[in-house]
Amino acid sequence: MSTAPLPDAARQNWVDRYAPEGLKPWLKLGRFDRPIGTWLLLLPGWQGIMLALNQYDRPFGGYELWLIVGFAIGACLMRGAGCAVNDIVDRDFDAQVARTALRPIPAGQISVKQAWAFVAGLCLISLGILLTMNLTSVLLGALSLGLVAAYPFMKRITWWPQAWLGLTFNWGALLGFAAATGGLFSLGWLYVLQVRASGDAYWMAEGLNQMGHLALSALLLYAGGVFWTLGYDTIYALQDIEDDVMAGVKSSARRLGAQVKPGVAIFYVLAVLLAGAAGFVAGLGPVFYVGLAAYALHLAWQVKALKPEDGALALRLFKSNREAGLILLAAIAFNGLAS
């Protein structure tokens, strides 16, 4: 079977250039040839970490460095697992869409059973990373599995599967914030479990201190990310409108129709306002708002440049959201360095 690059993968990507032939289908199953999805999953987590560190004036030490690295590894693995689950569920649809017909499962390169084994392996490694974090993070990580599992079915039951993707892809903002407010190696839940019947006040206090927590700022950042994803994934869906109509697949791009451009504009305005509210609640200073303005200008440029009938342009604009996310991350992170 052919292992040619998928239409939305960069030509001469590292998988096609360097990976052994036997590994190429597996790497493509996890979309490792297209890192943009990993970036879009990772950046909300990094933003949540930095927001917590700035809000609570926490120093950047060894544990915080591990969070940055651990979230990066986890994003790669969980994005790969999520893509594989999506391909398992959508294998019949994918075979009918030009952009997805050469994916490893519909192309016959990987069986469904093999794909499930791939998912299980990636999830087990990710679980090992998650268990190095505090109890709140572990619980949030477990809850995210429901969002991941339900996403492939959303395009069958709602015109807004992009909104569900927003709920899923930005969950890292909550998880990152919680991880940065607690301790290392799940000490919180271990301490609590070790509290004796006598109710040792020291161990209880220490356990609660290590468990991690969420704040209004984290929820606002998460909500802003949901609308950001709703905007950029609506742009992405413009590539598939004709094939989606034939296959009976629903999307926000189809639902908005001729109003897709003002619709994306509204989503992006809400994304900026909610991100700004998160910074305000967290007590971030002027540097953050300068970065927020740059974030808003980038999103405004996307809307202005968007031509719904131009699929290639839609893909380029979608991919530019890595830079948009990095701008917002820098706005949060550099606020702490400047204060």
C-alpha atoms as a PDB file:
ATOM      1  CA  MET A   1       0.000   0.000   0.000  1.00  0.00           C
ATOM      2  CA  SER A   2       1.095   3.577  -0.646  1.00  0.00           C
ATOM      3  CA  THR A   3       2.463   5.659   2.206  1.00  0.00           C
ATOM      4  CA  ALA A   4       2.351   8.935   0.263  1.00  0.00           C
ATOM      5  CA  PRO A   5       1.943  12.132   2.285  1.00  0.00           C
ATOM      6  CA  LEU A   6      -1.621  13.018   3.144  1.00  0.00           C
ATOM      7  CA  PRO A   7      -2.895  16.163   1.399  1.00  0.00           C
ATOM      8  CA  ASP A   8      -2.742  18.229   4.608  1.00  0.00           C
ATOM      9  CA  ALA A   9       0.711  16.970   5.610  1.00  0.00           C
ATOM     10  CA  ALA A  10       3.690  19.056   4.603  1.00  0.00           C
ATOM     11  CA  ARG A  11       5.535  17.708   1.603  1.00  0.00           C
ATOM     12  CA  GLN A  12       8.770  16.016   2.565  1.00  0.00           C
ATOM     13  CA  ASN A  13       7.817  15.942   6.247  1.00  0.00           C
ATOM     14  CA  TRP A  14      10.186  14.109   8.570  1.00  0.00           C
ATOM     15  CA  VAL A  15       8.163  10.885   8.530  1.00  0.00           C
ATOM     16  CA  ASP A  16       8.293  10.553   4.750  1.00  0.00           C
ATOM     17  CA  ARG A  17      11.929  11.610   4.598  1.00  0.00           C
ATOM     18  CA  TYR A  18      13.517   9.704   7.465  1.00  0.00           C
ATOM     19  CA  ALA A  19      11.235   7.095   9.055  1.00  0.00           C
ATOM     20  CA  PRO A  20      11.705   3.394   8.188  1.00  0.00           C
ATOM     21  CA  GLU A  21       9.016   2.155   5.804  1.00  0.00           C
ATOM     22  CA  GLY A  22       7.548  -0.181   8.411  1.00  0.00           C
ATOM     23  CA  LEU A  23       7.015   2.656  10.884  1.00  0.00           C
ATOM     24  CA  LYS A  24       5.485   5.157   8.479  1.00  0.00           C
ATOM     25  CA  PRO A  25       1.874   3.889   8.732  1.00  0.00           C
ATOM     26  CA  TRP A  26       2.059   3.927  12.539  1.00  0.00           C
ATOM     27  CA  LEU A  27       3.510   7.416  12.673  1.00  0.00           C
ATOM     28  CA  LYS A  28       0.850   8.612  10.245  1.00  0.00           C
ATOM     29  CA  LEU A  29      -1.874   6.933  12.292  1.00  0.00           C
ATOM     30  CA  GLY A  30      -0.791   9.123  15.214  1.00  0.00           C
ATOM     31  CA  ARG A  31      -0.380  12.159  12.891  1.00  0.00           C
ATOM     32  CA  PHE A  32       3.264  12.509  13.849  1.00  0.00           C
ATOM     33  CA  ASP A  33       3.853  13.718  10.298  1.00  0.00           C
ATOM     34  CA  ARG A  34       1.619  16.722  11.071  1.00  0.00           C
ATOM     35  CA  PRO A  35       2.775  18.385  14.298  1.00  0.00           C
ATOM     36  CA  ILE A  36       0.293  21.255  14.178  1.00  0.00           C
ATOM     37  CA  GLY A  37      -2.304  19.227  16.088  1.00  0.00           C
ATOM     38  CA  THR A  38       0.195  18.464  18.834  1.00  0.00           C
ATOM     39  CA  TRP A  39       1.011  22.166  19.144  1.00  0.00           C
ATOM     40  CA  LEU A  40      -2.668  23.075  19.409  1.00  0.00           C
ATOM     41  CA  LEU A  41      -3.189  20.449  22.110  1.00  0.00           C
ATOM     42  CA  LEU A  42      -0.021  21.395  23.994  1.00  0.00           C
ATOM     43  CA  LEU A  43      -0.217  25.185  24.057  1.00  0.00           C
ATOM     44  CA  PRO A  44      -3.289  25.484  26.343  1.00  0.00           C
ATOM     45  CA  GLY A  45      -1.503  23.266  28.876  1.00  0.00           C
ATOM     46  CA  TRP A  46       1.608  25.433  28.846  1.00  0.00           C
ATOM     47  CA  GLN A  47      -0.573  28.534  29.105  1.00  0.00           C
ATOM     48  CA  GLY A  48      -2.329  27.082  32.159  1.00  0.00           C
ATOM     49  CA  ILE A  49       1.007  26.299  33.817  1.00  0.00           C
ATOM     50  CA  MET A  50       2.332  29.810  33.259  1.00  0.00           C
ATOM     51  CA  LEU A  51      -0.921  31.411  34.378  1.00  0.00           C
ATOM     52  CA  ALA A  52      -0.772  29.555  37.693  1.00  0.00           C
ATOM     53  CA  LEU A  53       2.894  30.398  38.270  1.00  0.00           C
ATOM     54  CA  ASN A  54       2.251  34.080  37.662  1.00  0.00           C
ATOM     55  CA  GLN A  55      -0.980  34.276  39.627  1.00  0.00           C
ATOM     56  CA  TYR A  56       0.591  32.714  42.720  1.00  0.00           C
ATOM     57  CA  ASP A  57       4.126  34.098  42.250  1.00  0.00           C
ATOM     58  CA  ARG A  58       5.629  30.626  42.224  1.00  0.00           C
ATOM     59  CA  PRO A  59       9.281  30.231  41.169  1.00  0.00           C
ATOM     60  CA  PHE A  60      10.221  28.204  38.108  1.00  0.00           C
ATOM     61  CA  GLY A  61      12.143  25.206  39.399  1.00  0.00           C
ATOM     62  CA  GLY A  62      12.762  21.554  38.661  1.00  0.00           C
ATOM     63  CA  TYR A  63       9.145  20.477  39.068  1.00  0.00           C
ATOM     64  CA  GLU A  64       7.928  23.256  36.797  1.00  0.00           C
ATOM     65  CA  LEU A  65      10.492  22.281  34.164  1.00  0.00           C
ATOM     66  CA  TRP A  66       9.240  18.713  34.383  1.00  0.00           C
ATOM     67  CA  LEU A  67       5.695  19.957  33.821  1.00  0.00           C
ATOM     68  CA  ILE A  68       6.768  21.709  30.622  1.00  0.00           C
ATOM     69  CA  VAL A  69       8.554  18.588  29.366  1.00  0.00           C
ATOM     70  CA  GLY A  70       5.919  16.156  30.629  1.00  0.00           C
ATOM     71  CA  PHE A  71       3.087  18.088  29.014  1.00  0.00           C
ATOM     72  CA  ALA A  72       4.985  18.137  25.707  1.00  0.00           C
ATOM     73  CA  ILE A  73       5.489  14.369  25.745  1.00  0.00           C
ATOM     74  CA  GLY A  74       1.931  13.777  26.907  1.00  0.00           C
ATOM     75  CA  ALA A  75       0.496  16.017  24.178  1.00  0.00           C
ATOM     76  CA  CYS A  76       2.372  14.070  21.496  1.00  0.00           C
ATOM     77  CA  LEU A  77       1.174  10.742  22.855  1.00  0.00           C
ATOM     78  CA  MET A  78      -2.442  11.668  23.595  1.00  0.00           C
ATOM     79  CA  ARG A  79      -2.864  13.482  20.317  1.00  0.00           C
ATOM     80  CA  GLY A  80      -1.630  10.318  18.618  1.00  0.00           C
ATOM     81  CA  ALA A  81      -4.041   8.167  20.612  1.00  0.00           C
ATOM     82  CA  GLY A  82      -6.940  10.523  19.929  1.00  0.00           C
ATOM     83  CA  CYS A  83      -6.249  10.557  16.196  1.00  0.00           C
ATOM     84  CA  ALA A  84      -6.111   6.766  16.142  1.00  0.00           C
ATOM     85  CA  VAL A  85      -9.459   6.485  17.947  1.00  0.00           C
ATOM     86  CA  ASN A  86     -10.926   9.012  15.525  1.00  0.00           C
ATOM     87  CA  ASP A  87      -9.658   6.985  12.558  1.00  0.00           C
ATOM     88  CA  ILE A  88     -11.049   3.739  13.989  1.00  0.00           C
ATOM     89  CA  VAL A  89     -14.505   5.252  14.396  1.00  0.00           C
ATOM     90  CA  ASP A  90     -14.423   7.205  11.120  1.00  0.00           C
ATOM     91  CA  ARG A  91     -12.810   4.596   8.898  1.00  0.00           C
ATOM     92  CA  ASP A  92     -15.878   4.287   6.643  1.00  0.00           C
ATOM     93  CA  PHE A  93     -16.295   8.074   6.361  1.00  0.00           C
ATOM     94  CA  ASP A  94     -12.569   8.558   5.752  1.00  0.00           C
ATOM     95  CA  ALA A  95     -12.662   6.198   2.795  1.00  0.00           C
ATOM     96  CA  GLN A  96     -15.187   8.537   1.101  1.00  0.00           C
ATOM     97  CA  VAL A  97     -13.222  11.790   1.620  1.00  0.00           C
ATOM     98  CA  ALA A  98     -10.316  12.625  -0.682  1.00  0.00           C
ATOM     99  CA  ARG A  99      -8.242  14.234   2.071  1.00  0.00           C
ATOM    100  CA  THR A 100      -8.503  11.206   4.371  1.00  0.00           C
ATOM    101  CA  ALA A 101      -8.778   8.216   2.027  1.00  0.00           C
ATOM    102  CA  LEU A 102      -5.055   7.389   2.335  1.00  0.00           C
ATOM    103  CA  ARG A 103      -5.019   7.280   6.123  1.00  0.00           C
ATOM    104  CA  PRO A 104      -3.548   3.969   7.319  1.00  0.00           C
ATOM    105  CA  ILE A 105      -6.800   2.303   8.415  1.00  0.00           C
ATOM    106  CA  PRO A 106      -9.006   3.044   5.367  1.00  0.00           C
ATOM    107  CA  ALA A 107      -5.975   2.376   3.144  1.00  0.00           C
ATOM    108  CA  GLY A 108      -5.615  -1.097   4.684  1.00  0.00           C
ATOM    109  CA  GLN A 109      -2.131  -0.569   6.111  1.00  0.00           C
ATOM    110  CA  ILE A 110      -3.192  -1.064   9.755  1.00  0.00           C
ATOM    111  CA  SER A 111      -6.051  -3.203  11.055  1.00  0.00           C
ATOM    112  CA  VAL A 112      -8.574  -2.010  13.608  1.00  0.00           C
ATOM    113  CA  LYS A 113      -7.190  -4.419  16.234  1.00  0.00           C
ATOM    114  CA  GLN A 114      -3.673  -3.146  15.649  1.00  0.00           C
ATOM    115  CA  ALA A 115      -4.889   0.427  15.944  1.00  0.00           C
ATOM    116  CA  TRP A 116      -6.533  -0.311  19.304  1.00  0.00           C
ATOM    117  CA  ALA A 117      -3.260  -1.807  20.556  1.00  0.00           C
ATOM    118  CA  PHE A 118      -1.500   1.377  19.420  1.00  0.00           C
ATOM    119  CA  VAL A 119      -4.015   3.475  21.389  1.00  0.00           C
ATOM    120  CA  ALA A 120      -3.575   1.353  24.510  1.00  0.00           C
ATOM    121  CA  GLY A 121       0.210   1.652  24.405  1.00  0.00           C
ATOM    122  CA  LEU A 122       0.180   5.435  24.053  1.00  0.00           C
ATOM    123  CA  CYS A 123      -2.388   5.799  26.837  1.00  0.00           C
ATOM    124  CA  LEU A 124      -0.364   3.667  29.249  1.00  0.00           C
ATOM    125  CA  ILE A 125       2.751   5.777  28.734  1.00  0.00           C
ATOM    126  CA  SER A 126       0.691   8.948  29.169  1.00  0.00           C
ATOM    127  CA  LEU A 127      -0.784   7.568  32.384  1.00  0.00           C
ATOM    128  CA  GLY A 128       2.724   7.077  33.751  1.00  0.00           C
ATOM    129  CA  ILE A 129       3.472  10.752  33.110  1.00  0.00           C
ATOM    130  CA  LEU A 130       0.176  11.864  34.633  1.00  0.00           C
ATOM    131  CA  LEU A 131       0.808   9.912  37.839  1.00  0.00           C
ATOM    132  CA  THR A 132       3.871  12.051  38.548  1.00  0.00           C
ATOM    133  CA  MET A 133       1.501  14.989  39.127  1.00  0.00           C
ATOM    134  CA  ASN A 134      -0.901  15.844  41.923  1.00  0.00           C
ATOM    135  CA  LEU A 135      -4.316  14.377  42.640  1.00  0.00           C
ATOM    136  CA  THR A 136      -6.312  17.147  40.982  1.00  0.00           C
ATOM    137  CA  SER A 137      -4.289  16.689  37.805  1.00  0.00           C
ATOM    138  CA  VAL A 138      -4.803  12.924  37.858  1.00  0.00           C
ATOM    139  CA  LEU A 139      -8.562  13.352  38.256  1.00  0.00           C
ATOM    140  CA  LEU A 140      -8.722  15.943  35.476  1.00  0.00           C
ATOM    141  CA  GLY A 141      -6.699  13.656  33.230  1.00  0.00           C
ATOM    142  CA  ALA A 142      -9.131  10.822  33.862  1.00  0.00           C
ATOM    143  CA  LEU A 143     -12.124  13.057  33.110  1.00  0.00           C
ATOM    144  CA  SER A 144     -10.611  14.110  29.799  1.00  0.00           C
ATOM    145  CA  LEU A 145     -10.917  10.548  28.493  1.00  0.00           C
ATOM    146  CA  GLY A 146     -14.681  10.972  28.227  1.00  0.00           C
ATOM    147  CA  LEU A 147     -14.247  14.013  26.010  1.00  0.00           C
ATOM    148  CA  VAL A 148     -11.702  12.211  23.830  1.00  0.00           C
ATOM    149  CA  ALA A 149     -13.853   9.100  23.476  1.00  0.00           C
ATOM    150  CA  ALA A 150     -16.996  11.042  22.540  1.00  0.00           C
ATOM    151  CA  TYR A 151     -15.435  13.383  19.991  1.00  0.00           C
ATOM    152  CA  PRO A 152     -15.446  11.051  16.943  1.00  0.00           C
ATOM    153  CA  PHE A 153     -19.217  10.654  17.270  1.00  0.00           C
ATOM    154  CA  MET A 154     -20.000  14.371  17.475  1.00  0.00           C
ATOM    155  CA  LYS A 155     -19.949  14.921  13.709  1.00  0.00           C
ATOM    156  CA  ARG A 156     -22.819  12.423  13.472  1.00  0.00           C
ATOM    157  CA  ILE A 157     -25.092  14.021  16.065  1.00  0.00           C
ATOM    158  CA  THR A 158     -24.399  17.773  16.050  1.00  0.00           C
ATOM    159  CA  TRP A 159     -23.522  20.551  13.637  1.00  0.00           C
ATOM    160  CA  TRP A 160     -20.933  21.728  16.172  1.00  0.00           C
ATOM    161  CA  PRO A 161     -18.317  18.967  16.555  1.00  0.00           C
ATOM    162  CA  GLN A 162     -15.720  21.765  16.505  1.00  0.00           C
ATOM    163  CA  ALA A 163     -17.127  23.009  19.821  1.00  0.00           C
ATOM    164  CA  TRP A 164     -16.614  19.556  21.347  1.00  0.00           C
ATOM    165  CA  LEU A 165     -13.086  19.542  19.992  1.00  0.00           C
ATOM    166  CA  GLY A 166     -12.613  22.866  21.785  1.00  0.00           C
ATOM    167  CA  LEU A 167     -13.727  21.330  25.065  1.00  0.00           C
ATOM    168  CA  THR A 168     -11.293  18.470  24.488  1.00  0.00           C
ATOM    169  CA  PHE A 169      -8.215  20.238  23.128  1.00  0.00           C
ATOM    170  CA  ASN A 170      -8.197  22.971  25.760  1.00  0.00           C
ATOM    171  CA  TRP A 171      -8.625  20.679  28.772  1.00  0.00           C
ATOM    172  CA  GLY A 172      -4.872  21.013  29.245  1.00  0.00           C
ATOM    173  CA  ALA A 173      -5.391  24.599  30.406  1.00  0.00           C
ATOM    174  CA  LEU A 174      -7.215  23.274  33.477  1.00  0.00           C
ATOM    175  CA  LEU A 175      -4.825  20.373  33.948  1.00  0.00           C
ATOM    176  CA  GLY A 176      -1.732  22.569  33.599  1.00  0.00           C
ATOM    177  CA  PHE A 177      -3.045  25.145  36.040  1.00  0.00           C
ATOM    178  CA  ALA A 178      -3.890  22.471  38.610  1.00  0.00           C
ATOM    179  CA  ALA A 179      -0.538  20.712  38.159  1.00  0.00           C
ATOM    180  CA  ALA A 180       1.361  23.968  38.740  1.00  0.00           C
ATOM    181  CA  THR A 181      -0.490  24.727  41.983  1.00  0.00           C
ATOM    182  CA  GLY A 182       0.316  21.430  43.696  1.00  0.00           C
ATOM    183  CA  GLY A 183       3.281  19.226  44.428  1.00  0.00           C
ATOM    184  CA  LEU A 184       5.436  16.617  42.757  1.00  0.00           C
ATOM    185  CA  PHE A 185       4.842  12.877  42.316  1.00  0.00           C
ATOM    186  CA  SER A 186       1.210  12.838  43.467  1.00  0.00           C
ATOM    187  CA  LEU A 187       2.259  13.614  47.050  1.00  0.00           C
ATOM    188  CA  GLY A 188      -1.120  15.162  47.723  1.00  0.00           C
ATOM    189  CA  TRP A 189      -3.187  12.028  47.398  1.00  0.00           C
ATOM    190  CA  LEU A 190      -0.502   9.897  49.034  1.00  0.00           C
ATOM    191  CA  TYR A 191      -0.461  12.183  52.074  1.00  0.00           C
ATOM    192  CA  VAL A 192      -4.239  12.155  52.339  1.00  0.00           C
ATOM    193  CA  LEU A 193      -4.369   8.369  52.111  1.00  0.00           C
ATOM    194  CA  GLN A 194      -1.776   8.139  54.861  1.00  0.00           C
ATOM    195  CA  VAL A 195      -3.677  10.324  57.331  1.00  0.00           C
ATOM    196  CA  ARG A 196      -4.272   8.231  60.424  1.00  0.00           C
ATOM    197  CA  ALA A 197      -7.543   7.891  62.248  1.00  0.00           C
ATOM    198  CA  SER A 198      -6.196  10.350  64.805  1.00  0.00           C
ATOM    199  CA  GLY A 199      -6.565  13.074  62.152  1.00  0.00           C
ATOM    200  CA  ASP A 200      -2.951  14.235  62.151  1.00  0.00           C
ATOM    201  CA  ALA A 201      -3.291  17.946  61.330  1.00  0.00           C
ATOM    202  CA  TYR A 202       0.204  18.243  59.860  1.00  0.00           C
ATOM    203  CA  TRP A 203      -0.224  15.471  57.321  1.00  0.00           C
ATOM    204  CA  MET A 204      -3.715  16.648  56.383  1.00  0.00           C
ATOM    205  CA  ALA A 205      -2.511  20.199  55.816  1.00  0.00           C
ATOM    206  CA  GLU A 206       0.493  18.971  53.855  1.00  0.00           C
ATOM    207  CA  GLY A 207      -1.708  16.713  51.746  1.00  0.00           C
ATOM    208  CA  LEU A 208      -4.171  19.476  50.913  1.00  0.00           C
ATOM    209  CA  ASN A 209      -1.268  21.753  50.040  1.00  0.00           C
ATOM    210  CA  GLN A 210       0.029  19.206  47.542  1.00  0.00           C
ATOM    211  CA  MET A 211      -3.272  18.327  45.859  1.00  0.00           C
ATOM    212  CA  GLY A 212      -3.463  21.269  43.455  1.00  0.00           C
ATOM    213  CA  HIS A 213      -6.530  23.367  42.700  1.00  0.00           C
ATOM    214  CA  LEU A 214      -8.334  25.388  40.057  1.00  0.00           C
ATOM    215  CA  ALA A 215      -9.298  29.063  40.074  1.00  0.00           C
ATOM    216  CA  LEU A 216     -11.653  31.315  38.096  1.00  0.00           C
ATOM    217  CA  SER A 217      -8.751  32.486  35.947  1.00  0.00           C
ATOM    218  CA  ALA A 218      -8.119  28.911  34.777  1.00  0.00           C
ATOM    219  CA  LEU A 219     -11.784  28.446  33.873  1.00  0.00           C
ATOM    220  CA  LEU A 220     -11.774  31.676  31.883  1.00  0.00           C
ATOM    221  CA  LEU A 221      -8.595  30.678  30.059  1.00  0.00           C
ATOM    222  CA  TYR A 222     -10.211  27.337  29.244  1.00  0.00           C
ATOM    223  CA  ALA A 223     -13.386  28.999  27.953  1.00  0.00           C
ATOM    224  CA  GLY A 224     -11.342  31.341  25.781  1.00  0.00           C
ATOM    225  CA  GLY A 225      -9.476  28.377  24.358  1.00  0.00           C
ATOM    226  CA  VAL A 226     -12.739  26.621  23.518  1.00  0.00           C
ATOM    227  CA  PHE A 227     -13.828  29.560  21.328  1.00  0.00           C
ATOM    228  CA  TRP A 228     -10.325  29.795  19.814  1.00  0.00           C
ATOM    229  CA  THR A 229     -10.566  26.141  18.760  1.00  0.00           C
ATOM    230  CA  LEU A 230     -14.122  26.608  17.513  1.00  0.00           C
ATOM    231  CA  GLY A 231     -12.784  29.357  15.246  1.00  0.00           C
ATOM    232  CA  TYR A 232      -9.692  27.652  13.886  1.00  0.00           C
ATOM    233  CA  ASP A 233     -11.323  24.253  13.425  1.00  0.00           C
ATOM    234  CA  THR A 234     -14.212  25.855  11.542  1.00  0.00           C
ATOM    235  CA  ILE A 235     -11.559  27.258   9.198  1.00  0.00           C
ATOM    236  CA  TYR A 236     -10.020  23.778   8.933  1.00  0.00           C
ATOM    237  CA  ALA A 237     -13.411  22.226   8.106  1.00  0.00           C
ATOM    238  CA  LEU A 238     -13.772  24.459   5.045  1.00  0.00           C
ATOM    239  CA  GLN A 239     -11.445  22.069   3.191  1.00  0.00           C
ATOM    240  CA  ASP A 240     -13.947  19.211   3.429  1.00  0.00           C
ATOM    241  CA  ILE A 241     -17.345  20.815   2.839  1.00  0.00           C
ATOM    242  CA  GLU A 242     -18.085  19.111  -0.486  1.00  0.00           C
ATOM    243  CA  ASP A 243     -16.938  15.701   0.709  1.00  0.00           C
ATOM    244  CA  ASP A 244     -18.749  16.157   4.037  1.00  0.00           C
ATOM    245  CA  VAL A 245     -22.014  16.842   2.210  1.00  0.00           C
ATOM    246  CA  MET A 246     -21.635  13.627   0.229  1.00  0.00           C
ATOM    247  CA  ALA A 247     -20.660  11.593   3.303  1.00  0.00           C
ATOM    248  CA  GLY A 248     -23.323  13.152   5.544  1.00  0.00           C
ATOM    249  CA  VAL A 249     -20.769  14.553   7.996  1.00  0.00           C
ATOM    250  CA  LYS A 250     -21.792  17.611  10.002  1.00  0.00           C
ATOM    251  CA  SER A 251     -19.534  20.579  10.802  1.00  0.00           C
ATOM    252  CA  SER A 252     -19.691  24.178  11.961  1.00  0.00           C
ATOM    253  CA  ALA A 253     -18.446  25.249   8.518  1.00  0.00           C
ATOM    254  CA  ARG A 254     -21.479  23.617   6.886  1.00  0.00           C
ATOM    255  CA  ARG A 255     -23.830  24.973   9.532  1.00  0.00           C
ATOM    256  CA  LEU A 256     -22.623  28.562   9.161  1.00  0.00           C
ATOM    257  CA  GLY A 257     -22.647  28.412   5.375  1.00  0.00           C
ATOM    258  CA  ALA A 258     -22.326  31.877   3.863  1.00  0.00           C
ATOM    259  CA  GLN A 259     -21.923  33.339   7.364  1.00  0.00           C
ATOM    260  CA  VAL A 260     -18.759  31.384   8.140  1.00  0.00           C
ATOM    261  CA  LYS A 261     -16.514  34.459   8.079  1.00  0.00           C
ATOM    262  CA  PRO A 262     -18.540  36.541  10.584  1.00  0.00           C
ATOM    263  CA  GLY A 263     -19.043  33.372  12.623  1.00  0.00           C
ATOM    264  CA  VAL A 264     -15.294  32.823  12.955  1.00  0.00           C
ATOM    265  CA  ALA A 265     -14.916  36.512  13.802  1.00  0.00           C
ATOM    266  CA  ILE A 266     -17.379  36.175  16.694  1.00  0.00           C
ATOM    267  CA  PHE A 267     -15.616  33.069  17.999  1.00  0.00           C
ATOM    268  CA  TYR A 268     -12.258  34.848  17.932  1.00  0.00           C
ATOM    269  CA  VAL A 269     -13.615  37.983  19.647  1.00  0.00           C
ATOM    270  CA  LEU A 270     -14.923  35.804  22.477  1.00  0.00           C
ATOM    271  CA  ALA A 271     -11.575  33.975  22.644  1.00  0.00           C
ATOM    272  CA  VAL A 272      -9.711  37.266  23.119  1.00  0.00           C
ATOM    273  CA  LEU A 273     -12.186  38.670  25.658  1.00  0.00           C
ATOM    274  CA  LEU A 274     -12.123  35.523  27.790  1.00  0.00           C
ATOM    275  CA  ALA A 275      -8.317  35.287  27.658  1.00  0.00           C
ATOM    276  CA  GLY A 276      -8.170  38.926  28.731  1.00  0.00           C
ATOM    277  CA  ALA A 277     -10.580  38.223  31.578  1.00  0.00           C
ATOM    278  CA  ALA A 278      -8.369  35.329  32.694  1.00  0.00           C
ATOM    279  CA  GLY A 279      -5.358  37.648  32.828  1.00  0.00           C
ATOM    280  CA  PHE A 280      -7.319  40.303  34.688  1.00  0.00           C
ATOM    281  CA  VAL A 281      -8.573  37.864  37.336  1.00  0.00           C
ATOM    282  CA  ALA A 282      -5.040  36.462  37.713  1.00  0.00           C
ATOM    283  CA  GLY A 283      -3.685  39.972  38.287  1.00  0.00           C
ATOM    284  CA  LEU A 284      -1.432  40.041  35.241  1.00  0.00           C
ATOM    285  CA  GLY A 285       0.104  43.370  34.280  1.00  0.00           C
ATOM    286  CA  PRO A 286       0.672  45.577  31.200  1.00  0.00           C
ATOM    287  CA  VAL A 287       3.020  43.145  29.437  1.00  0.00           C
ATOM    288  CA  PHE A 288       0.211  40.619  29.270  1.00  0.00           C
ATOM    289  CA  TYR A 289      -2.165  43.091  27.650  1.00  0.00           C
ATOM    290  CA  VAL A 290       0.412  44.063  25.038  1.00  0.00           C
ATOM    291  CA  GLY A 291       0.731  40.383  24.142  1.00  0.00           C
ATOM    292  CA  LEU A 292      -3.052  39.996  24.216  1.00  0.00           C
ATOM    293  CA  ALA A 293      -3.329  42.809  21.668  1.00  0.00           C
ATOM    294  CA  ALA A 294      -0.862  40.978  19.411  1.00  0.00           C
ATOM    295  CA  TYR A 295      -2.940  37.802  19.837  1.00  0.00           C
ATOM    296  CA  ALA A 296      -6.082  39.719  18.838  1.00  0.00           C
ATOM    297  CA  LEU A 297      -4.367  41.212  15.778  1.00  0.00           C
ATOM    298  CA  HIS A 298      -3.244  37.765  14.635  1.00  0.00           C
ATOM    299  CA  LEU A 299      -6.768  36.377  14.901  1.00  0.00           C
ATOM    300  CA  ALA A 300      -8.174  39.462  13.134  1.00  0.00           C
ATOM    301  CA  TRP A 301      -5.694  38.918  10.294  1.00  0.00           C
ATOM    302  CA  GLN A 302      -6.957  35.360   9.914  1.00  0.00           C
ATOM    303  CA  VAL A 303     -10.548  36.534   9.588  1.00  0.00           C
ATOM    304  CA  LYS A 304      -9.643  39.259   7.092  1.00  0.00           C
ATOM    305  CA  ALA A 305      -7.593  36.865   4.948  1.00  0.00           C
ATOM    306  CA  LEU A 306     -10.139  34.037   5.030  1.00  0.00           C
ATOM    307  CA  LYS A 307     -11.744  33.047   1.709  1.00  0.00           C
ATOM    308  CA  PRO A 308     -14.187  30.216   2.393  1.00  0.00           C
ATOM    309  CA  GLU A 309     -13.879  28.824  -1.127  1.00  0.00           C
ATOM    310  CA  ASP A 310     -10.069  28.541  -0.925  1.00  0.00           C
ATOM    311  CA  GLY A 311      -9.216  25.281   0.841  1.00  0.00           C
ATOM    312  CA  ALA A 312      -5.458  25.703   0.563  1.00  0.00           C
ATOM    313  CA  LEU A 313      -5.665  29.126   2.204  1.00  0.00           C
ATOM    314  CA  ALA A 314      -7.912  27.706   4.921  1.00  0.00           C
ATOM    315  CA  LEU A 315      -5.238  25.135   5.744  1.00  0.00           C
ATOM    316  CA  ARG A 316      -2.522  27.809   5.937  1.00  0.00           C
ATOM    317  CA  LEU A 317      -4.651  29.975   8.222  1.00  0.00           C
ATOM    318  CA  PHE A 318      -5.471  27.001  10.407  1.00  0.00           C
ATOM    319  CA  LYS A 319      -1.784  26.147  10.782  1.00  0.00           C
ATOM    320  CA  SER A 320      -0.978  29.760  11.703  1.00  0.00           C
ATOM    321  CA  ASN A 321      -2.772  29.175  15.001  1.00  0.00           C
ATOM    322  CA  ARG A 322       0.417  27.680  16.368  1.00  0.00           C
ATOM    323  CA  GLU A 323       1.820  31.217  16.239  1.00  0.00           C
ATOM    324  CA  ALA A 324      -1.390  32.615  17.731  1.00  0.00           C
ATOM    325  CA  GLY A 325      -1.143  30.213  20.669  1.00  0.00           C
ATOM    326  CA  LEU A 326       2.547  30.974  21.151  1.00  0.00           C
ATOM    327  CA  ILE A 327       1.779  34.695  21.250  1.00  0.00           C
ATOM    328  CA  LEU A 328      -0.746  34.199  24.057  1.00  0.00           C
ATOM    329  CA  LEU A 329       1.679  31.913  25.875  1.00  0.00           C
ATOM    330  CA  ALA A 330       4.405  34.555  25.622  1.00  0.00           C
ATOM    331  CA  ALA A 331       2.003  37.219  26.892  1.00  0.00           C
ATOM    332  CA  ILE A 332       1.364  35.179  30.036  1.00  0.00           C
ATOM    333  CA  ALA A 333       4.938  33.988  30.572  1.00  0.00           C
ATOM    334  CA  PHE A 334       6.724  37.308  29.901  1.00  0.00           C
ATOM    335  CA  ASN A 335       4.328  39.089  32.252  1.00  0.00           C
ATOM    336  CA  GLY A 336       5.999  37.155  35.082  1.00  0.00           C
ATOM    337  CA  LEU A 337       9.489  37.924  33.849  1.00  0.00           C
ATOM    338  CA  ALA A 338       8.718  41.641  33.631  1.00  0.00           C
ATOM    339  CA  SER A 339       7.091  41.929  37.050  1.00  0.00           C
END
